Amino acid sequence: MDVKDIVQFPPIVLRPPSELPAPAGPTGDAHPFAGVLKSSIEEVNNLQQKAEAAISALATGEKASLHDTMIAMEQADLSFRMMMQVRNKIVDAYQEIMRMQV
């Protein structure tokens, strides 16, 4: 398991709107949010599959550590719960926009 220290992450740099990259044109990615969302869902799915494999390995008596299995299960659970909260916020935002259009 790769755990990064908080000081290893690059600092957040806020740029004025004039320095932000231009929106994607016809040749670029038209929906970058959709790509980010899709990759996040794939990552959650990968964690779920790793947890299932760890559980199977532990149940069949293969060389699997109980600690590693529990860590994989908790990572999968936490990432799934986070994904559900993001989904709930997206649905709430969509419903708010629909209410504003009425």
N, C-alpha and C. Protein backbone atom coordinates (compact mmCIF):
# COMPACT_ATOMS: atom_id res chain seq x y z
N MET A 1 0.85 -1.18 0.00
CA MET A 1 0.00 0.00 0.00
C MET A 1 0.88 1.23 0.00
N ASP A 2 0.58 2.16 -0.86
CA ASP A 2 1.37 3.37 -1.01
C ASP A 2 0.65 4.52 -0.33
N VAL A 3 1.22 4.97 0.79
CA VAL A 3 0.64 6.09 1.53
C VAL A 3 1.58 7.27 1.38
N LYS A 4 1.05 8.39 0.89
CA LYS A 4 1.88 9.56 0.67
C LYS A 4 1.69 10.55 1.83
N ASP A 5 2.79 11.13 2.20
CA ASP A 5 2.76 12.16 3.22
C ASP A 5 2.16 13.43 2.61
N ILE A 6 1.50 14.23 3.42
CA ILE A 6 0.82 15.41 2.91
C ILE A 6 1.81 16.42 2.33
N VAL A 7 3.05 16.39 2.79
CA VAL A 7 4.03 17.34 2.27
C VAL A 7 4.54 16.91 0.90
N GLN A 8 4.24 15.70 0.44
CA GLN A 8 4.68 15.24 -0.86
C GLN A 8 3.80 15.76 -1.98
N PHE A 9 2.63 16.24 -1.68
CA PHE A 9 1.74 16.74 -2.70
C PHE A 9 2.17 18.14 -3.12
N PRO A 10 2.00 18.48 -4.40
CA PRO A 10 2.39 19.82 -4.84
C PRO A 10 1.48 20.87 -4.23
N PRO A 11 2.00 22.06 -4.02
CA PRO A 11 1.16 23.12 -3.44
C PRO A 11 0.08 23.55 -4.42
N ILE A 12 -1.01 24.04 -3.86
CA ILE A 12 -2.12 24.53 -4.67
C ILE A 12 -1.80 25.96 -5.09
N VAL A 13 -1.88 26.18 -6.39
CA VAL A 13 -1.59 27.50 -6.92
C VAL A 13 -2.87 28.04 -7.56
N LEU A 14 -3.34 29.17 -7.03
CA LEU A 14 -4.53 29.80 -7.59
C LEU A 14 -4.10 30.79 -8.65
N ARG A 15 -4.70 30.66 -9.84
CA ARG A 15 -4.37 31.55 -10.95
C ARG A 15 -5.57 32.41 -11.27
N PRO A 16 -5.31 33.63 -11.72
CA PRO A 16 -6.43 34.48 -12.14
C PRO A 16 -7.09 33.89 -13.39
N PRO A 17 -8.36 34.20 -13.62
CA PRO A 17 -9.07 33.63 -14.77
C PRO A 17 -8.39 33.87 -16.11
N SER A 18 -7.64 34.96 -16.23
CA SER A 18 -6.98 35.24 -17.50
C SER A 18 -5.88 34.23 -17.82
N GLU A 19 -5.35 33.56 -16.79
CA GLU A 19 -4.28 32.59 -17.00
C GLU A 19 -4.78 31.16 -17.10
N LEU A 20 -6.06 30.95 -16.94
CA LEU A 20 -6.60 29.59 -17.02
C LEU A 20 -6.59 29.11 -18.46
N PRO A 21 -6.44 27.79 -18.66
CA PRO A 21 -6.46 27.28 -20.03
C PRO A 21 -7.82 27.48 -20.67
N ALA A 22 -7.80 27.62 -21.99
CA ALA A 22 -9.05 27.82 -22.72
C ALA A 22 -9.87 26.54 -22.69
N PRO A 23 -11.21 26.65 -22.77
CA PRO A 23 -12.03 25.45 -22.81
C PRO A 23 -11.68 24.59 -24.02
N ALA A 24 -11.92 23.31 -23.90
CA ALA A 24 -11.58 22.38 -24.97
C ALA A 24 -12.41 22.68 -26.20
N GLY A 25 -11.77 22.67 -27.32
CA GLY A 25 -12.45 22.92 -28.59
C GLY A 25 -12.94 21.62 -29.19
N PRO A 26 -13.26 21.65 -30.49
CA PRO A 26 -13.76 20.44 -31.14
C PRO A 26 -12.75 19.31 -31.17
N THR A 27 -11.46 19.63 -31.11
CA THR A 27 -10.45 18.56 -31.15
C THR A 27 -10.11 18.05 -29.76
N GLY A 28 -10.39 18.81 -28.72
CA GLY A 28 -10.05 18.41 -27.36
C GLY A 28 -11.18 17.63 -26.70
N ASP A 29 -10.99 17.35 -25.42
CA ASP A 29 -12.01 16.65 -24.64
C ASP A 29 -13.14 17.62 -24.35
N ALA A 30 -14.32 17.35 -24.91
CA ALA A 30 -15.45 18.26 -24.78
C ALA A 30 -16.04 18.24 -23.37
N HIS A 31 -15.87 17.14 -22.66
CA HIS A 31 -16.45 17.00 -21.33
C HIS A 31 -15.39 16.49 -20.35
N PRO A 32 -14.51 17.38 -19.88
CA PRO A 32 -13.46 16.90 -18.96
C PRO A 32 -14.02 16.37 -17.65
N PHE A 33 -15.15 16.93 -17.19
CA PHE A 33 -15.74 16.44 -15.95
C PHE A 33 -16.20 15.00 -16.10
N ALA A 34 -16.75 14.67 -17.26
CA ALA A 34 -17.19 13.30 -17.50
C ALA A 34 -16.00 12.34 -17.46
N GLY A 35 -14.86 12.77 -18.00
CA GLY A 35 -13.67 11.93 -17.97
C GLY A 35 -13.16 11.71 -16.55
N VAL A 36 -13.18 12.77 -15.76
CA VAL A 36 -12.75 12.65 -14.36
C VAL A 36 -13.70 11.73 -13.60
N LEU A 37 -14.98 11.89 -13.84
CA LEU A 37 -15.97 11.07 -13.16
C LEU A 37 -15.82 9.60 -13.56
N LYS A 38 -15.60 9.36 -14.84
CA LYS A 38 -15.44 7.99 -15.32
C LYS A 38 -14.20 7.34 -14.73
N SER A 39 -13.08 8.07 -14.69
CA SER A 39 -11.87 7.50 -14.12
C SER A 39 -12.02 7.25 -12.62
N SER A 40 -12.76 8.10 -11.93
CA SER A 40 -13.00 7.90 -10.50
C SER A 40 -13.84 6.64 -10.27
N ILE A 41 -14.85 6.44 -11.08
CA ILE A 41 -15.68 5.25 -10.95
C ILE A 41 -14.87 4.00 -11.25
N GLU A 42 -13.99 4.07 -12.25
CA GLU A 42 -13.13 2.92 -12.56
C GLU A 42 -12.19 2.62 -11.40
N GLU A 43 -11.67 3.65 -10.75
CA GLU A 43 -10.78 3.44 -9.61
C GLU A 43 -11.53 2.79 -8.45
N VAL A 44 -12.76 3.24 -8.20
CA VAL A 44 -13.57 2.62 -7.14
C VAL A 44 -13.83 1.15 -7.49
N ASN A 45 -14.11 0.88 -8.74
CA ASN A 45 -14.34 -0.50 -9.17
C ASN A 45 -13.09 -1.35 -8.98
N ASN A 46 -11.92 -0.79 -9.31
CA ASN A 46 -10.68 -1.53 -9.11
C ASN A 46 -10.44 -1.85 -7.64
N LEU A 47 -10.72 -0.89 -6.78
CA LEU A 47 -10.56 -1.14 -5.34
C LEU A 47 -11.53 -2.21 -4.84
N GLN A 48 -12.76 -2.20 -5.38
CA GLN A 48 -13.74 -3.22 -5.01
C GLN A 48 -13.25 -4.60 -5.45
N GLN A 49 -12.69 -4.69 -6.65
CA GLN A 49 -12.19 -5.97 -7.16
C GLN A 49 -11.00 -6.46 -6.35
N LYS A 50 -10.11 -5.54 -5.96
CA LYS A 50 -8.97 -5.93 -5.13
C LYS A 50 -9.43 -6.45 -3.77
N ALA A 51 -10.44 -5.81 -3.21
CA ALA A 51 -10.97 -6.26 -1.93
C ALA A 51 -11.60 -7.65 -2.06
N GLU A 52 -12.35 -7.88 -3.13
CA GLU A 52 -12.94 -9.19 -3.37
C GLU A 52 -11.86 -10.26 -3.53
N ALA A 53 -10.80 -9.94 -4.26
CA ALA A 53 -9.70 -10.89 -4.44
C ALA A 53 -9.01 -11.19 -3.12
N ALA A 54 -8.83 -10.16 -2.30
CA ALA A 54 -8.19 -10.36 -0.99
C ALA A 54 -9.05 -11.22 -0.08
N ILE A 55 -10.36 -11.01 -0.13
CA ILE A 55 -11.28 -11.82 0.69
C ILE A 55 -11.24 -13.27 0.22
N SER A 56 -11.25 -13.48 -1.08
CA SER A 56 -11.20 -14.85 -1.62
C SER A 56 -9.89 -15.53 -1.25
N ALA A 57 -8.79 -14.79 -1.34
CA ALA A 57 -7.49 -15.37 -0.99
C ALA A 57 -7.43 -15.74 0.49
N LEU A 58 -8.00 -14.91 1.32
CA LEU A 58 -8.01 -15.20 2.76
C LEU A 58 -8.91 -16.39 3.07
N ALA A 59 -10.07 -16.45 2.42
CA ALA A 59 -11.03 -17.53 2.68
C ALA A 59 -10.52 -18.89 2.19
N THR A 60 -9.75 -18.89 1.11
CA THR A 60 -9.26 -20.16 0.55
C THR A 60 -7.95 -20.60 1.20
N GLY A 61 -7.39 -19.79 2.07
CA GLY A 61 -6.18 -20.18 2.77
C GLY A 61 -4.90 -19.86 2.02
N GLU A 62 -5.00 -19.10 0.97
CA GLU A 62 -3.78 -18.69 0.27
C GLU A 62 -2.97 -17.78 1.17
N LYS A 63 -1.79 -17.44 0.73
CA LYS A 63 -0.94 -16.56 1.53
C LYS A 63 -1.49 -15.15 1.49
N ALA A 64 -2.43 -14.88 2.34
CA ALA A 64 -3.05 -13.55 2.42
C ALA A 64 -3.08 -13.14 3.89
N SER A 65 -2.68 -11.93 4.12
CA SER A 65 -2.66 -11.40 5.47
C SER A 65 -4.04 -10.86 5.83
N LEU A 66 -4.45 -11.10 7.05
CA LEU A 66 -5.72 -10.56 7.52
C LEU A 66 -5.68 -9.04 7.51
N HIS A 67 -4.52 -8.47 7.87
CA HIS A 67 -4.39 -7.01 7.89
C HIS A 67 -4.54 -6.42 6.49
N ASP A 68 -3.86 -7.05 5.51
CA ASP A 68 -3.96 -6.55 4.14
C ASP A 68 -5.39 -6.67 3.61
N THR A 69 -6.06 -7.75 3.99
CA THR A 69 -7.44 -7.94 3.57
C THR A 69 -8.35 -6.87 4.16
N MET A 70 -8.17 -6.59 5.43
CA MET A 70 -9.00 -5.56 6.08
C MET A 70 -8.70 -4.18 5.50
N ILE A 71 -7.44 -3.91 5.20
CA ILE A 71 -7.09 -2.62 4.61
C ILE A 71 -7.74 -2.48 3.24
N ALA A 72 -7.68 -3.54 2.43
CA ALA A 72 -8.30 -3.50 1.10
C ALA A 72 -9.81 -3.30 1.22
N MET A 73 -10.43 -3.97 2.18
CA MET A 73 -11.88 -3.82 2.38
C MET A 73 -12.23 -2.40 2.80
N GLU A 74 -11.46 -1.83 3.70
CA GLU A 74 -11.74 -0.47 4.17
C GLU A 74 -11.51 0.56 3.08
N GLN A 75 -10.46 0.36 2.27
CA GLN A 75 -10.23 1.27 1.15
C GLN A 75 -11.40 1.22 0.18
N ALA A 76 -11.87 0.02 -0.13
CA ALA A 76 -12.99 -0.12 -1.06
C ALA A 76 -14.25 0.52 -0.47
N ASP A 77 -14.49 0.28 0.81
CA ASP A 77 -15.69 0.84 1.46
C ASP A 77 -15.64 2.36 1.50
N LEU A 78 -14.50 2.89 1.88
CA LEU A 78 -14.37 4.34 1.98
C LEU A 78 -14.50 5.01 0.61
N SER A 79 -13.87 4.42 -0.40
CA SER A 79 -13.96 5.01 -1.74
C SER A 79 -15.38 4.92 -2.28
N PHE A 80 -16.08 3.83 -1.98
CA PHE A 80 -17.47 3.71 -2.43
C PHE A 80 -18.37 4.73 -1.75
N ARG A 81 -18.19 4.89 -0.44
CA ARG A 81 -19.00 5.88 0.27
C ARG A 81 -18.72 7.30 -0.22
N MET A 82 -17.45 7.59 -0.53
CA MET A 82 -17.10 8.90 -1.07
C MET A 82 -17.76 9.10 -2.43
N MET A 83 -17.72 8.07 -3.27
CA MET A 83 -18.34 8.16 -4.59
C MET A 83 -19.84 8.40 -4.45
N MET A 84 -20.49 7.76 -3.50
CA MET A 84 -21.92 7.95 -3.31
C MET A 84 -22.23 9.37 -2.84
N GLN A 85 -21.38 9.95 -2.00
CA GLN A 85 -21.60 11.32 -1.56
C GLN A 85 -21.43 12.30 -2.73
N VAL A 86 -20.44 12.05 -3.58
CA VAL A 86 -20.26 12.89 -4.75
C VAL A 86 -21.47 12.77 -5.66
N ARG A 87 -21.95 11.55 -5.85
CA ARG A 87 -23.15 11.34 -6.68
C ARG A 87 -24.33 12.10 -6.10
N ASN A 88 -24.51 12.03 -4.79
CA ASN A 88 -25.62 12.73 -4.15
C ASN A 88 -25.51 14.24 -4.37
N LYS A 89 -24.30 14.79 -4.27
CA LYS A 89 -24.12 16.22 -4.49
C LYS A 89 -24.42 16.58 -5.95
N ILE A 90 -24.03 15.73 -6.88
CA ILE A 90 -24.31 15.99 -8.30
C ILE A 90 -25.81 15.98 -8.55
N VAL A 91 -26.51 15.01 -7.97
CA VAL A 91 -27.96 14.93 -8.14
C VAL A 91 -28.63 16.14 -7.51
N ASP A 92 -28.18 16.55 -6.33
CA ASP A 92 -28.75 17.74 -5.69
C ASP A 92 -28.54 19.00 -6.54
N ALA A 93 -27.34 19.14 -7.11
CA ALA A 93 -27.07 20.29 -7.97
C ALA A 93 -27.96 20.27 -9.21
N TYR A 94 -28.13 19.11 -9.80
CA TYR A 94 -28.99 18.98 -10.98
C TYR A 94 -30.43 19.35 -10.63
N GLN A 95 -30.93 18.85 -9.48
CA GLN A 95 -32.28 19.17 -9.09
C GLN A 95 -32.47 20.65 -8.80
N GLU A 96 -31.44 21.27 -8.23
CA GLU A 96 -31.50 22.71 -7.97
C GLU A 96 -31.55 23.49 -9.28
N ILE A 97 -30.78 23.07 -10.25
CA ILE A 97 -30.80 23.74 -11.56
C ILE A 97 -32.18 23.56 -12.21
N MET A 98 -32.76 22.40 -12.10
CA MET A 98 -34.08 22.16 -12.68
C MET A 98 -35.13 23.03 -12.00
N ARG A 99 -35.00 23.24 -10.69
CA ARG A 99 -35.95 24.10 -9.98
C ARG A 99 -35.80 25.55 -10.41
N MET A 100 -34.58 25.96 -10.74
CA MET A 100 -34.36 27.34 -11.15
C MET A 100 -34.95 27.61 -12.53
N GLN A 101 -35.08 26.61 -13.35
CA GLN A 101 -35.58 26.80 -14.71
C GLN A 101 -37.09 26.87 -14.78
N VAL A 102 -37.77 26.51 -13.72
CA VAL A 102 -39.24 26.51 -13.74
C VAL A 102 -39.80 27.88 -13.63
